[in-house]
Amino acid sequence: MNWDAIGAIGETIGSVAVIASLIYLGVQIRTNAKATEGLVRRQIADSSQLAYLTAVDSPEFSSLVVRALMSDADLESAEESQMIRFISAIFLNFEVAYHQYESGLYDEWETVLTRRVRMMFNNSKFVREWWKDNKSDQFSESFCAAVDDVVARGAT
């Protein structure tokens, strides 16, 4: 066997090793992406759960949420302040999910969350007025545009 043959065998083995390494790297990247998506889903679920559990923690607050979101009842100033904080927390959670969607880490903005946003706007004058008065002060421009788009599509 001459040196050219040994060199060719070495190059072949090297090529196979590079291909195997690239396949391994691809599998690891895909696994990491799925793990990251799972963590994002968990974070969003935890934040949602905390906001919704707040509403059921006390019968008085639960009643307030129903009055504010399901009717056009007038609220006292302390009640309005509670609802503004509650709705802000929910929409901050929606915004996190939206930006994770934009980053490719969360895929449910177009399905689950748009339905929730649309439902809140359709059912509640309080939410519609709160959004109009507060959106530009609290949320990113891209999230505001996305919510406005969801609401506009829901109205047609």
N, C-alpha and C. Protein backbone atom coordinates (compact mmCIF):
# COMPACT_ATOMS: atom_id res chain seq x y z
N MET A 1 0.85 -1.16 0.00
CA MET A 1 0.00 0.00 0.00
C MET A 1 0.90 1.23 0.00
N ASN A 2 0.59 2.19 -0.87
CA ASN A 2 1.42 3.40 -0.94
C ASN A 2 0.78 4.55 -0.14
N TRP A 3 1.51 5.62 -0.06
CA TRP A 3 1.06 6.76 0.74
C TRP A 3 -0.19 7.42 0.18
N ASP A 4 -0.38 7.39 -1.12
CA ASP A 4 -1.59 7.98 -1.72
C ASP A 4 -2.84 7.22 -1.29
N ALA A 5 -2.75 5.90 -1.24
CA ALA A 5 -3.89 5.08 -0.82
C ALA A 5 -4.20 5.33 0.65
N ILE A 6 -3.17 5.41 1.47
CA ILE A 6 -3.36 5.66 2.90
C ILE A 6 -3.98 7.05 3.10
N GLY A 7 -3.53 8.03 2.32
CA GLY A 7 -4.09 9.39 2.39
C GLY A 7 -5.56 9.39 1.99
N ALA A 8 -5.91 8.63 0.93
CA ALA A 8 -7.30 8.56 0.48
C ALA A 8 -8.19 7.92 1.54
N ILE A 9 -7.70 6.85 2.18
CA ILE A 9 -8.46 6.20 3.25
C ILE A 9 -8.65 7.18 4.41
N GLY A 10 -7.62 7.91 4.75
CA GLY A 10 -7.71 8.91 5.82
C GLY A 10 -8.73 10.01 5.51
N GLU A 11 -8.74 10.47 4.27
CA GLU A 11 -9.71 11.48 3.87
C GLU A 11 -11.13 10.94 3.93
N THR A 12 -11.34 9.69 3.51
CA THR A 12 -12.66 9.07 3.55
C THR A 12 -13.15 8.95 4.99
N ILE A 13 -12.26 8.48 5.86
CA ILE A 13 -12.63 8.36 7.28
C ILE A 13 -12.93 9.74 7.86
N GLY A 14 -12.15 10.72 7.50
CA GLY A 14 -12.39 12.09 7.97
C GLY A 14 -13.73 12.63 7.49
N SER A 15 -14.06 12.35 6.22
CA SER A 15 -15.34 12.81 5.66
C SER A 15 -16.52 12.16 6.39
N VAL A 16 -16.41 10.86 6.64
CA VAL A 16 -17.47 10.14 7.36
C VAL A 16 -17.61 10.72 8.77
N ALA A 17 -16.50 11.02 9.41
CA ALA A 17 -16.55 11.59 10.76
C ALA A 17 -17.21 12.97 10.76
N VAL A 18 -16.93 13.78 9.76
CA VAL A 18 -17.54 15.10 9.67
C VAL A 18 -19.05 14.97 9.46
N ILE A 19 -19.46 14.06 8.57
CA ILE A 19 -20.89 13.85 8.32
C ILE A 19 -21.58 13.36 9.59
N ALA A 20 -20.98 12.42 10.29
CA ALA A 20 -21.55 11.91 11.53
C ALA A 20 -21.66 13.03 12.57
N SER A 21 -20.66 13.88 12.64
CA SER A 21 -20.69 15.01 13.58
C SER A 21 -21.81 15.99 13.24
N LEU A 22 -22.01 16.26 11.94
CA LEU A 22 -23.08 17.16 11.53
C LEU A 22 -24.45 16.58 11.84
N ILE A 23 -24.61 15.29 11.63
CA ILE A 23 -25.89 14.64 11.96
C ILE A 23 -26.13 14.73 13.47
N TYR A 24 -25.12 14.44 14.27
CA TYR A 24 -25.24 14.52 15.71
C TYR A 24 -25.59 15.95 16.15
N LEU A 25 -24.92 16.93 15.56
CA LEU A 25 -25.18 18.33 15.87
C LEU A 25 -26.62 18.70 15.52
N GLY A 26 -27.11 18.26 14.38
CA GLY A 26 -28.49 18.52 13.97
C GLY A 26 -29.49 17.95 14.96
N VAL A 27 -29.25 16.72 15.41
CA VAL A 27 -30.14 16.09 16.39
C VAL A 27 -30.11 16.87 17.70
N GLN A 28 -28.94 17.29 18.13
CA GLN A 28 -28.82 18.05 19.38
C GLN A 28 -29.52 19.41 19.28
N ILE A 29 -29.39 20.07 18.16
CA ILE A 29 -30.06 21.36 17.97
C ILE A 29 -31.57 21.18 18.01
N ARG A 30 -32.08 20.17 17.33
CA ARG A 30 -33.52 19.92 17.32
C ARG A 30 -34.02 19.60 18.73
N THR A 31 -33.27 18.78 19.46
CA THR A 31 -33.64 18.43 20.83
C THR A 31 -33.64 19.67 21.72
N ASN A 32 -32.63 20.51 21.58
CA ASN A 32 -32.55 21.74 22.36
C ASN A 32 -33.71 22.68 22.03
N ALA A 33 -34.06 22.79 20.75
CA ALA A 33 -35.16 23.66 20.34
C ALA A 33 -36.47 23.18 20.96
N LYS A 34 -36.70 21.88 20.97
CA LYS A 34 -37.92 21.33 21.58
C LYS A 34 -37.93 21.57 23.08
N ALA A 35 -36.79 21.42 23.73
CA ALA A 35 -36.70 21.67 25.17
C ALA A 35 -36.98 23.14 25.47
N THR A 36 -36.43 24.03 24.67
CA THR A 36 -36.65 25.47 24.85
C THR A 36 -38.12 25.81 24.66
N GLU A 37 -38.73 25.25 23.63
CA GLU A 37 -40.15 25.48 23.40
C GLU A 37 -40.98 24.97 24.58
N GLY A 38 -40.60 23.84 25.13
CA GLY A 38 -41.30 23.31 26.29
C GLY A 38 -41.18 24.23 27.49
N LEU A 39 -39.99 24.79 27.71
CA LEU A 39 -39.80 25.73 28.81
C LEU A 39 -40.62 27.00 28.61
N VAL A 40 -40.68 27.48 27.38
CA VAL A 40 -41.48 28.67 27.08
C VAL A 40 -42.95 28.39 27.35
N ARG A 41 -43.44 27.25 26.89
CA ARG A 41 -44.84 26.88 27.14
C ARG A 41 -45.12 26.82 28.64
N ARG A 42 -44.20 26.24 29.37
CA ARG A 42 -44.39 26.12 30.82
C ARG A 42 -44.42 27.50 31.48
N GLN A 43 -43.53 28.38 31.07
CA GLN A 43 -43.50 29.73 31.63
C GLN A 43 -44.81 30.46 31.35
N ILE A 44 -45.31 30.36 30.14
CA ILE A 44 -46.55 31.02 29.78
C ILE A 44 -47.72 30.41 30.55
N ALA A 45 -47.73 29.09 30.68
CA ALA A 45 -48.79 28.43 31.44
C ALA A 45 -48.75 28.85 32.91
N ASP A 46 -47.56 28.91 33.49
CA ASP A 46 -47.43 29.33 34.89
C ASP A 46 -47.93 30.76 35.09
N SER A 47 -47.56 31.65 34.19
CA SER A 47 -48.01 33.04 34.29
C SER A 47 -49.52 33.15 34.14
N SER A 48 -50.07 32.42 33.19
CA SER A 48 -51.52 32.44 32.99
C SER A 48 -52.24 31.89 34.21
N GLN A 49 -51.73 30.79 34.71
CA GLN A 49 -52.36 30.17 35.86
C GLN A 49 -52.36 31.11 37.05
N LEU A 50 -51.27 31.79 37.28
CA LEU A 50 -51.19 32.73 38.40
C LEU A 50 -52.21 33.85 38.25
N ALA A 51 -52.33 34.40 37.06
CA ALA A 51 -53.30 35.48 36.84
C ALA A 51 -54.73 34.98 37.04
N TYR A 52 -55.04 33.80 36.51
CA TYR A 52 -56.40 33.28 36.62
C TYR A 52 -56.71 32.82 38.04
N LEU A 53 -55.73 32.28 38.75
CA LEU A 53 -55.97 31.87 40.13
C LEU A 53 -56.24 33.07 41.02
N THR A 54 -55.68 34.20 40.68
CA THR A 54 -55.96 35.42 41.42
C THR A 54 -57.45 35.73 41.39
N ALA A 55 -58.07 35.47 40.25
CA ALA A 55 -59.50 35.76 40.10
C ALA A 55 -60.37 34.83 40.92
N VAL A 56 -59.91 33.64 41.18
CA VAL A 56 -60.74 32.70 41.94
C VAL A 56 -60.34 32.63 43.41
N ASP A 57 -59.30 33.36 43.77
CA ASP A 57 -58.80 33.31 45.14
C ASP A 57 -59.80 33.88 46.14
N SER A 58 -60.54 34.89 45.72
CA SER A 58 -61.54 35.45 46.62
C SER A 58 -62.86 35.59 45.87
N PRO A 59 -63.96 35.26 46.54
CA PRO A 59 -65.27 35.40 45.89
C PRO A 59 -65.56 36.84 45.46
N GLU A 60 -65.09 37.80 46.25
CA GLU A 60 -65.34 39.20 45.91
C GLU A 60 -64.63 39.59 44.62
N PHE A 61 -63.37 39.19 44.51
CA PHE A 61 -62.62 39.53 43.29
C PHE A 61 -63.18 38.77 42.10
N SER A 62 -63.57 37.54 42.30
CA SER A 62 -64.17 36.76 41.22
C SER A 62 -65.44 37.43 40.72
N SER A 63 -66.24 37.92 41.64
CA SER A 63 -67.46 38.64 41.27
C SER A 63 -67.12 39.92 40.50
N LEU A 64 -66.09 40.61 40.95
CA LEU A 64 -65.64 41.82 40.26
C LEU A 64 -65.21 41.51 38.82
N VAL A 65 -64.45 40.44 38.64
CA VAL A 65 -63.99 40.05 37.31
C VAL A 65 -65.19 39.78 36.40
N VAL A 66 -66.16 39.06 36.91
CA VAL A 66 -67.36 38.75 36.10
C VAL A 66 -68.09 40.05 35.74
N ARG A 67 -68.28 40.94 36.71
CA ARG A 67 -68.97 42.20 36.43
C ARG A 67 -68.21 43.03 35.41
N ALA A 68 -66.89 43.09 35.55
CA ALA A 68 -66.10 43.94 34.65
C ALA A 68 -65.97 43.35 33.25
N LEU A 69 -65.84 42.04 33.17
CA LEU A 69 -65.58 41.43 31.86
C LEU A 69 -66.83 40.98 31.13
N MET A 70 -67.89 40.72 31.85
CA MET A 70 -69.08 40.16 31.21
C MET A 70 -70.27 41.10 31.18
N SER A 71 -70.11 42.29 31.70
CA SER A 71 -71.21 43.25 31.66
C SER A 71 -70.62 44.65 31.51
N ASP A 72 -71.48 45.60 31.39
CA ASP A 72 -71.04 46.99 31.28
C ASP A 72 -71.24 47.72 32.60
N ALA A 73 -71.18 46.98 33.69
CA ALA A 73 -71.42 47.56 35.02
C ALA A 73 -70.37 48.63 35.33
N ASP A 74 -70.82 49.67 36.00
CA ASP A 74 -69.89 50.71 36.45
C ASP A 74 -69.12 50.19 37.66
N LEU A 75 -67.86 50.49 37.71
CA LEU A 75 -67.01 50.04 38.81
C LEU A 75 -66.61 51.23 39.67
N GLU A 76 -66.47 50.97 40.96
CA GLU A 76 -65.92 51.98 41.85
C GLU A 76 -64.44 52.14 41.53
N SER A 77 -63.84 53.22 42.00
CA SER A 77 -62.46 53.48 41.62
C SER A 77 -61.50 52.41 42.11
N ALA A 78 -61.70 51.88 43.32
CA ALA A 78 -60.83 50.80 43.82
C ALA A 78 -61.00 49.54 42.98
N GLU A 79 -62.23 49.25 42.58
CA GLU A 79 -62.49 48.08 41.74
C GLU A 79 -61.86 48.26 40.37
N GLU A 80 -61.98 49.46 39.83
CA GLU A 80 -61.37 49.73 38.53
C GLU A 80 -59.86 49.56 38.59
N SER A 81 -59.26 50.03 39.67
CA SER A 81 -57.81 49.88 39.85
C SER A 81 -57.42 48.40 39.91
N GLN A 82 -58.19 47.60 40.63
CA GLN A 82 -57.91 46.16 40.68
C GLN A 82 -58.01 45.53 39.29
N MET A 83 -59.03 45.90 38.56
CA MET A 83 -59.22 45.31 37.24
C MET A 83 -58.14 45.76 36.26
N ILE A 84 -57.71 47.00 36.37
CA ILE A 84 -56.63 47.47 35.49
C ILE A 84 -55.37 46.65 35.73
N ARG A 85 -55.05 46.40 36.99
CA ARG A 85 -53.86 45.58 37.30
C ARG A 85 -54.04 44.14 36.80
N PHE A 86 -55.23 43.60 37.00
CA PHE A 86 -55.49 42.22 36.58
C PHE A 86 -55.40 42.08 35.06
N ILE A 87 -56.05 42.97 34.33
CA ILE A 87 -56.03 42.92 32.86
C ILE A 87 -54.61 43.20 32.35
N SER A 88 -53.91 44.12 33.00
CA SER A 88 -52.52 44.39 32.59
C SER A 88 -51.66 43.15 32.74
N ALA A 89 -51.84 42.42 33.84
CA ALA A 89 -51.07 41.19 34.05
C ALA A 89 -51.38 40.16 32.98
N ILE A 90 -52.64 40.01 32.64
CA ILE A 90 -53.03 39.05 31.60
C ILE A 90 -52.41 39.45 30.25
N PHE A 91 -52.50 40.73 29.92
CA PHE A 91 -51.97 41.17 28.64
C PHE A 91 -50.45 41.17 28.60
N LEU A 92 -49.80 41.38 29.74
CA LEU A 92 -48.34 41.23 29.77
C LEU A 92 -47.97 39.79 29.46
N ASN A 93 -48.75 38.85 29.97
CA ASN A 93 -48.53 37.44 29.66
C ASN A 93 -48.75 37.18 28.16
N PHE A 94 -49.80 37.76 27.61
CA PHE A 94 -50.04 37.64 26.17
C PHE A 94 -48.86 38.21 25.38
N GLU A 95 -48.32 39.34 25.86
CA GLU A 95 -47.20 39.97 25.14
C GLU A 95 -45.97 39.07 25.16
N VAL A 96 -45.69 38.47 26.30
CA VAL A 96 -44.55 37.53 26.37
C VAL A 96 -44.76 36.41 25.35
N ALA A 97 -45.96 35.85 25.33
CA ALA A 97 -46.25 34.77 24.38
C ALA A 97 -46.10 35.25 22.94
N TYR A 98 -46.56 36.46 22.67
CA TYR A 98 -46.44 37.00 21.31
C TYR A 98 -44.98 37.15 20.89
N HIS A 99 -44.15 37.69 21.77
CA HIS A 99 -42.74 37.86 21.41
C HIS A 99 -42.02 36.52 21.30
N GLN A 100 -42.43 35.55 22.09
CA GLN A 100 -41.87 34.19 21.94
C GLN A 100 -42.31 33.61 20.59
N TYR A 101 -43.54 33.91 20.18
CA TYR A 101 -44.03 33.49 18.86
C TYR A 101 -43.19 34.14 17.76
N GLU A 102 -42.95 35.43 17.89
CA GLU A 102 -42.12 36.13 16.89
C GLU A 102 -40.73 35.53 16.79
N SER A 103 -40.21 35.05 17.92
CA SER A 103 -38.87 34.46 17.96
C SER A 103 -38.85 33.01 17.49
N GLY A 104 -40.03 32.44 17.23
CA GLY A 104 -40.11 31.06 16.78
C GLY A 104 -40.08 30.05 17.91
N LEU A 105 -40.28 30.51 19.15
CA LEU A 105 -40.22 29.60 20.29
C LEU A 105 -41.59 29.15 20.78
N TYR A 106 -42.65 29.75 20.26
CA TYR A 106 -44.00 29.45 20.73
C TYR A 106 -44.92 29.55 19.53
N ASP A 107 -45.71 28.53 19.28
CA ASP A 107 -46.49 28.51 18.05
C ASP A 107 -47.98 28.71 18.24
N GLU A 108 -48.42 29.04 19.44
CA GLU A 108 -49.87 29.10 19.67
C GLU A 108 -50.45 30.51 19.65
N TRP A 109 -49.68 31.51 19.24
CA TRP A 109 -50.24 32.86 19.16
C TRP A 109 -51.41 32.88 18.18
N GLU A 110 -51.23 32.29 17.02
CA GLU A 110 -52.25 32.34 15.98
C GLU A 110 -53.48 31.49 16.30
N THR A 111 -53.40 30.61 17.26
CA THR A 111 -54.54 29.75 17.56
C THR A 111 -55.14 30.09 18.92
N VAL A 112 -54.52 29.61 19.95
CA VAL A 112 -55.09 29.72 21.29
C VAL A 112 -55.18 31.17 21.77
N LEU A 113 -54.07 31.89 21.69
CA LEU A 113 -54.06 33.23 22.28
C LEU A 113 -54.88 34.24 21.50
N THR A 114 -54.93 34.14 20.19
CA THR A 114 -55.75 35.09 19.44
C THR A 114 -57.23 34.90 19.80
N ARG A 115 -57.64 33.66 20.04
CA ARG A 115 -59.03 33.43 20.47
C ARG A 115 -59.29 34.07 21.83
N ARG A 116 -58.34 33.95 22.74
CA ARG A 116 -58.50 34.55 24.07
C ARG A 116 -58.57 36.07 23.99
N VAL A 117 -57.69 36.65 23.19
CA VAL A 117 -57.69 38.11 23.03
C VAL A 117 -59.03 38.55 22.43
N ARG A 118 -59.45 37.90 21.36
CA ARG A 118 -60.70 38.26 20.69
C ARG A 118 -61.88 38.13 21.66
N MET A 119 -61.91 37.06 22.45
CA MET A 119 -62.99 36.84 23.40
C MET A 119 -63.03 37.98 24.43
N MET A 120 -61.87 38.38 24.93
CA MET A 120 -61.84 39.45 25.93
C MET A 120 -62.36 40.76 25.34
N PHE A 121 -62.00 41.06 24.10
CA PHE A 121 -62.46 42.29 23.47
C PHE A 121 -63.94 42.22 23.13
N ASN A 122 -64.39 41.07 22.64
CA ASN A 122 -65.79 40.94 22.26
C ASN A 122 -66.72 41.00 23.46
N ASN A 123 -66.29 40.46 24.59
CA ASN A 123 -67.16 40.35 25.75
C ASN A 123 -67.10 41.54 26.69
N SER A 124 -66.11 42.38 26.57
CA SER A 124 -65.90 43.36 27.63
C SER A 124 -65.63 44.77 27.12
N LYS A 125 -66.56 45.66 27.43
CA LYS A 125 -66.35 47.08 27.15
C LYS A 125 -65.17 47.59 27.99
N PHE A 126 -65.03 47.08 29.20
CA PHE A 126 -63.93 47.49 30.08
C PHE A 126 -62.58 47.22 29.42
N VAL A 127 -62.41 46.03 28.84
CA VAL A 127 -61.14 45.68 28.20
C VAL A 127 -60.90 46.57 26.98
N ARG A 128 -61.94 46.79 26.19
CA ARG A 128 -61.78 47.64 25.00
C ARG A 128 -61.34 49.05 25.39
N GLU A 129 -61.96 49.62 26.42
CA GLU A 129 -61.60 50.97 26.85
C GLU A 129 -60.20 50.98 27.48
N TRP A 130 -59.92 49.97 28.30
CA TRP A 130 -58.59 49.88 28.92
C TRP A 130 -57.51 49.81 27.85
N TRP A 131 -57.72 48.99 26.83
CA TRP A 131 -56.73 48.83 25.76
C TRP A 131 -56.50 50.15 25.03
N LYS A 132 -57.59 50.81 24.69
CA LYS A 132 -57.48 52.09 23.97
C LYS A 132 -56.70 53.11 24.79
N ASP A 133 -56.93 53.15 26.09
CA ASP A 133 -56.31 54.16 26.95
C ASP A 133 -54.88 53.81 27.37
N ASN A 134 -54.52 52.53 27.40
CA ASN A 134 -53.26 52.12 28.03
C ASN A 134 -52.26 51.42 27.12
N LYS A 135 -52.67 50.99 25.95
CA LYS A 135 -51.79 50.11 25.17
C LYS A 135 -50.43 50.72 24.86
N SER A 136 -50.41 51.96 24.42
CA SER A 136 -49.12 52.52 24.00
C SER A 136 -48.19 52.80 25.17
N ASP A 137 -48.72 52.92 26.37
CA ASP A 137 -47.88 53.16 27.55
C ASP A 137 -47.27 51.89 28.12
N GLN A 138 -47.91 50.75 27.90
CA GLN A 138 -47.51 49.53 28.58
C GLN A 138 -46.90 48.46 27.69
N PHE A 139 -47.15 48.53 26.39
CA PHE A 139 -46.80 47.40 25.53
C PHE A 139 -45.99 47.84 24.32
N SER A 140 -45.27 46.88 23.75
CA SER A 140 -44.45 47.18 22.57
C SER A 140 -45.34 47.49 21.37
N GLU A 141 -44.78 48.24 20.46
CA GLU A 141 -45.50 48.63 19.25
C GLU A 141 -45.94 47.41 18.44
N SER A 142 -45.06 46.41 18.33
CA SER A 142 -45.41 45.23 17.52
C SER A 142 -46.53 44.43 18.17
N PHE A 143 -46.53 44.33 19.50
CA PHE A 143 -47.60 43.62 20.18
C PHE A 143 -48.92 44.37 20.03
N CYS A 144 -48.89 45.69 20.17
CA CYS A 144 -50.11 46.49 19.99
C CYS A 144 -50.68 46.29 18.59
N ALA A 145 -49.82 46.31 17.60
CA ALA A 145 -50.27 46.10 16.22
C ALA A 145 -50.88 44.71 16.05
N ALA A 146 -50.27 43.70 16.67
CA ALA A 146 -50.79 42.34 16.56
C ALA A 146 -52.15 42.22 17.22
N VAL A 147 -52.31 42.80 18.41
CA VAL A 147 -53.61 42.75 19.09
C VAL A 147 -54.66 43.51 18.30
N ASP A 148 -54.31 44.68 17.82
CA ASP A 148 -55.26 45.45 17.00
C ASP A 148 -55.67 44.67 15.76
N ASP A 149 -54.73 43.95 15.16
CA ASP A 149 -55.04 43.11 14.00
C ASP A 149 -56.00 41.99 14.37
N VAL A 150 -55.74 41.33 15.50
CA VAL A 150 -56.63 40.25 15.97
C VAL A 150 -58.03 40.79 16.20
N VAL A 151 -58.13 41.93 16.84
CA VAL A 151 -59.44 42.53 17.14
C VAL A 151 -60.15 42.92 15.84
N ALA A 152 -59.42 43.51 14.92
CA ALA A 152 -60.02 43.91 13.64
C ALA A 152 -60.51 42.69 12.85
N ARG A 153 -59.73 41.62 12.85
CA ARG A 153 -60.16 40.40 12.14
C ARG A 153 -61.36 39.77 12.82
N GLY A 154 -61.46 39.93 14.13
CA GLY A 154 -62.59 39.36 14.85
C GLY A 154 -63.87 40.13 14.64
N ALA A 155 -63.74 41.41 14.30
CA ALA A 155 -64.91 42.26 14.12
C ALA A 155 -65.53 42.08 12.74
N THR A 156 -64.82 41.48 11.81
CA THR A 156 -65.35 41.35 10.45
C THR A 156 -66.03 40.02 10.25
